[in-house]
Amino acid sequence: MTSRRRPADLRPSPATASQPLPGTARELFDALPQLPGLRTEVIDGRLIVSPVGTPEHARIAMRLHNALLPLIEERDWDGFSGNVDVCIDGPRDPVEPDFVLALADCPRWGDPELLSSGLIMVAEIVSPGSVVDDRDRKPGIYASGQAPIMIIVDPVVTPATVTVLSDPKDGVYLTSTRVTMGRPVHIPEPVGFTLDTSVFEKALGRP
């Protein structure tokens, strides 16, 4: 689940020695080389470098992808499990959702980043180190970037929950539906799909 951004060469050269150092988190993000085993994002003006998730974390993302796969194939969409960067429209901040559902011709910011306003859905899987960002900060980020739907899979809270956020307006999602993991939850249009969240319990090794 590492980023697919092209590597950057940070070694000084005659052409770069006189260039100014990165002045913003976005500029620093753009200057970084690939960091295998780590994910890099800009969240509220902070450059965040964190390890990729546990096998259970990755398994949940894949279970979500597999559940939506018939829909992805039927509608010729793209589904990415934690391996694509998203550029938030407006501030142009980069984030790396745990799952992305997008049109096949989703517009991009440069070559490697999908623009958030062209997405269909994003999902984040909460881990102990990402609780505040995933629960509190990222919904506003995705809503401000006009991502139509956000799903938060939260195995950290007791009992585990799955939340579907939709109807973004003025930087917030106006509609929120939360279920205990194991119960079905409806994902509204443009997805229009009822998700059986028991697939996540199986990914966690829970009955």
Protein backbone atom coordinates (compact mmCIF):
# COMPACT_ATOMS: atom_id res chain seq x y z
CA MET A 1 0.00 0.00 0.00
CA THR A 2 2.83 2.40 -0.78
CA SER A 3 2.47 5.51 -2.89
CA ARG A 4 3.10 5.26 -6.64
CA ARG A 5 4.49 8.76 -6.96
CA ARG A 6 7.59 8.96 -9.10
CA PRO A 7 10.81 9.10 -7.07
CA ALA A 8 12.47 12.45 -6.63
CA ASP A 9 16.23 13.05 -6.45
CA LEU A 10 17.01 15.23 -3.43
CA ARG A 11 20.76 15.30 -3.98
CA PRO A 12 22.01 18.82 -4.69
CA SER A 13 23.17 19.56 -8.22
CA PRO A 14 24.37 22.70 -10.01
CA ALA A 15 20.81 23.18 -11.27
CA THR A 16 19.16 22.79 -7.87
CA ALA A 17 21.76 24.12 -5.41
CA SER A 18 20.52 27.69 -5.79
CA GLN A 19 16.81 26.82 -5.62
CA PRO A 20 14.92 27.74 -2.44
CA LEU A 21 13.97 25.03 0.02
CA PRO A 22 10.33 23.89 0.08
CA GLY A 23 8.23 26.56 1.80
CA THR A 24 4.95 24.69 2.23
CA ALA A 25 3.88 21.18 3.16
CA ARG A 26 2.74 20.67 -0.44
CA GLU A 27 6.14 21.69 -1.81
CA LEU A 28 7.88 19.38 0.65
CA PHE A 29 5.56 16.55 -0.36
CA ASP A 30 6.42 17.11 -4.02
CA ALA A 31 10.15 17.07 -3.21
CA LEU A 32 10.10 13.78 -1.31
CA PRO A 33 11.32 10.58 -2.96
CA GLN A 34 9.30 7.40 -2.73
CA LEU A 35 9.26 6.10 0.82
CA PRO A 36 8.64 2.34 0.70
CA GLY A 37 6.59 1.15 3.64
CA LEU A 38 5.36 4.67 4.44
CA ARG A 39 2.49 6.86 3.33
CA THR A 40 2.75 10.63 3.00
CA GLU A 41 -0.14 13.09 3.12
CA VAL A 42 -0.82 16.75 3.84
CA ILE A 43 -3.56 17.14 6.46
CA ASP A 44 -4.52 20.61 7.65
CA GLY A 45 -1.20 22.02 6.50
CA ARG A 46 0.84 19.27 8.18
CA LEU A 47 3.01 16.83 6.27
CA ILE A 48 2.18 13.43 7.76
CA VAL A 49 4.46 10.46 7.21
CA SER A 50 3.10 7.25 8.68
CA PRO A 51 3.62 3.51 8.30
CA VAL A 52 1.24 1.56 6.11
CA GLY A 53 -1.44 -0.38 7.95
CA THR A 54 -1.40 -3.85 9.45
CA PRO A 55 -2.42 -6.92 7.40
CA GLU A 56 -5.90 -6.61 8.94
CA HIS A 57 -6.04 -2.98 7.78
CA ALA A 58 -5.13 -4.01 4.23
CA ARG A 59 -7.55 -6.92 4.37
CA ILE A 60 -10.46 -4.61 5.20
CA ALA A 61 -9.60 -2.41 2.20
CA MET A 62 -9.49 -5.45 -0.06
CA ARG A 63 -12.79 -6.77 1.33
CA LEU A 64 -14.40 -3.42 0.48
CA HIS A 65 -12.93 -3.59 -3.01
CA ASN A 66 -14.16 -7.16 -3.47
CA ALA A 67 -17.66 -6.30 -2.26
CA LEU A 68 -17.88 -3.49 -4.81
CA LEU A 69 -16.14 -5.39 -7.62
CA PRO A 70 -19.34 -6.43 -9.48
CA LEU A 71 -20.42 -2.78 -9.49
CA ILE A 72 -16.95 -1.64 -10.57
CA GLU A 73 -16.95 -4.01 -13.52
CA GLU A 74 -20.56 -3.31 -14.50
CA ARG A 75 -20.06 0.46 -14.57
CA ASP A 76 -16.44 0.48 -15.80
CA TRP A 77 -15.19 2.27 -12.69
CA ASP A 78 -11.77 2.08 -11.07
CA GLY A 79 -11.21 0.84 -7.52
CA PHE A 80 -7.92 1.43 -5.72
CA SER A 81 -7.00 -0.09 -2.36
CA GLY A 82 -4.62 2.34 -0.71
CA ASN A 83 -2.21 2.79 -3.59
CA VAL A 84 -3.23 6.05 -5.24
CA ASP A 85 -2.79 9.69 -4.25
CA VAL A 86 -5.72 12.10 -4.30
CA CYS A 87 -5.37 15.86 -4.75
CA ILE A 88 -8.00 17.84 -2.85
CA ASP A 89 -9.55 20.44 -5.13
CA GLY A 90 -8.92 23.93 -3.82
CA PRO A 91 -5.90 23.68 -1.52
CA ARG A 92 -4.32 20.99 -3.76
CA ASP A 93 -3.30 19.04 -0.66
CA PRO A 94 -2.40 15.39 -1.33
CA VAL A 95 -3.95 12.55 0.66
CA GLU A 96 -3.86 8.79 0.28
CA PRO A 97 -7.22 7.20 1.12
CA ASP A 98 -7.36 3.55 2.10
CA PHE A 99 -9.82 2.98 -0.74
CA VAL A 100 -10.84 5.07 -3.75
CA LEU A 101 -13.68 4.55 -6.18
CA ALA A 102 -13.36 6.68 -9.32
CA LEU A 103 -14.50 7.06 -12.88
CA ALA A 104 -12.11 5.52 -15.38
CA ASP A 105 -11.50 8.99 -16.84
CA CYS A 106 -11.25 10.79 -13.48
CA PRO A 107 -9.39 14.09 -13.97
CA ARG A 108 -5.92 14.35 -12.47
CA TRP A 109 -3.58 16.85 -10.89
CA GLY A 110 -0.44 16.14 -12.88
CA ASP A 111 0.17 12.49 -13.72
CA PRO A 112 -0.01 10.70 -10.35
CA GLU A 113 -2.90 12.31 -8.43
CA LEU A 114 -6.65 11.94 -8.94
CA LEU A 115 -8.67 15.11 -8.34
CA SER A 116 -11.10 14.72 -5.45
CA SER A 117 -14.00 16.35 -7.29
CA GLY A 118 -13.84 13.58 -9.91
CA LEU A 119 -14.11 10.74 -7.40
CA ILE A 120 -17.15 8.64 -6.64
CA MET A 121 -16.21 7.55 -3.12
CA VAL A 122 -13.32 7.38 -0.66
CA ALA A 123 -12.88 5.22 2.42
CA GLU A 124 -10.63 5.40 5.46
CA ILE A 125 -9.90 2.57 7.89
CA VAL A 126 -9.22 3.87 11.38
CA SER A 127 -6.08 2.65 13.12
CA PRO A 128 -4.85 3.57 16.61
CA GLY A 129 -2.45 6.13 15.13
CA SER A 130 -4.98 7.74 12.78
CA VAL A 131 -8.03 8.14 15.03
CA VAL A 132 -8.19 11.95 15.05
CA ASP A 133 -7.29 12.39 11.38
CA ASP A 134 -9.69 9.72 10.07
CA ARG A 135 -12.63 10.50 12.35
CA ASP A 136 -12.37 14.27 12.73
CA ARG A 137 -10.17 15.89 10.08
CA LYS A 138 -10.54 13.89 6.88
CA PRO A 139 -14.34 14.12 6.57
CA GLY A 140 -14.03 17.90 6.28
CA ILE A 141 -11.13 17.56 3.86
CA TYR A 142 -12.99 15.21 1.54
CA ALA A 143 -16.23 17.19 1.81
CA SER A 144 -14.40 20.42 0.90
CA GLY A 145 -12.91 18.57 -2.07
CA GLN A 146 -16.42 17.52 -3.19
CA ALA A 147 -15.89 13.77 -2.89
CA PRO A 148 -19.55 12.64 -2.97
CA ILE A 149 -19.25 9.83 -0.40
CA MET A 150 -16.86 8.92 2.40
CA ILE A 151 -16.89 5.66 4.34
CA ILE A 152 -15.17 5.33 7.71
CA VAL A 153 -14.50 1.77 8.83
CA ASP A 154 -13.64 1.98 12.53
CA PRO A 155 -12.42 -1.26 14.13
CA VAL A 156 -10.76 0.73 16.94
CA VAL A 157 -13.98 1.82 18.66
CA THR A 158 -16.00 -0.69 20.71
CA PRO A 159 -18.21 -1.94 19.20
CA ALA A 160 -16.66 -1.50 15.76
CA THR A 161 -18.64 0.73 13.40
CA VAL A 162 -19.03 1.64 9.75
CA THR A 163 -20.10 5.19 8.87
CA VAL A 164 -21.32 6.42 5.49
CA LEU A 165 -21.08 10.18 4.89
CA SER A 166 -22.70 11.86 1.89
CA ASP A 167 -24.13 15.15 0.54
CA PRO A 168 -21.03 17.36 0.83
CA LYS A 169 -21.73 21.09 1.15
CA ASP A 170 -19.53 23.92 2.38
CA GLY A 171 -16.88 21.57 3.73
CA VAL A 172 -19.15 19.19 5.64
CA TYR A 173 -21.16 16.07 4.86
CA LEU A 174 -24.82 16.77 5.57
CA THR A 175 -25.89 13.11 5.80
CA SER A 176 -24.37 10.51 8.09
CA THR A 177 -25.39 6.89 8.61
CA ARG A 178 -23.57 4.74 11.17
CA VAL A 179 -24.07 1.05 11.86
CA THR A 180 -22.43 -1.47 14.12
CA MET A 181 -20.01 -3.59 12.10
CA GLY A 182 -21.83 -6.70 10.94
CA ARG A 183 -25.02 -4.93 9.91
CA PRO A 184 -25.86 -3.86 6.35
CA VAL A 185 -25.54 -0.18 5.44
CA HIS A 186 -26.77 1.55 2.32
CA ILE A 187 -24.32 3.61 0.27
CA PRO A 188 -26.36 6.26 -1.58
CA GLU A 189 -26.03 7.41 -5.17
CA PRO A 190 -23.88 7.71 -7.17
CA VAL A 191 -22.97 4.27 -5.76
CA GLY A 192 -26.43 2.97 -4.85
CA PHE A 193 -25.31 -0.21 -3.09
CA THR A 194 -26.13 -1.95 0.18
CA LEU A 195 -22.90 -3.09 1.83
CA ASP A 196 -22.85 -6.14 4.09
CA THR A 197 -20.34 -4.97 6.70
CA SER A 198 -19.92 -8.47 8.12
CA VAL A 199 -17.17 -8.84 5.51
CA PHE A 200 -15.05 -6.56 7.70
CA GLU A 201 -15.61 -8.75 10.78
CA LYS A 202 -14.25 -11.67 8.82
CA ALA A 203 -11.23 -9.59 7.79
CA LEU A 204 -10.56 -8.91 11.47
CA GLY A 205 -10.89 -12.57 12.37
CA ARG A 206 -14.07 -11.95 14.34
CA PRO A 207 -17.07 -14.31 14.16
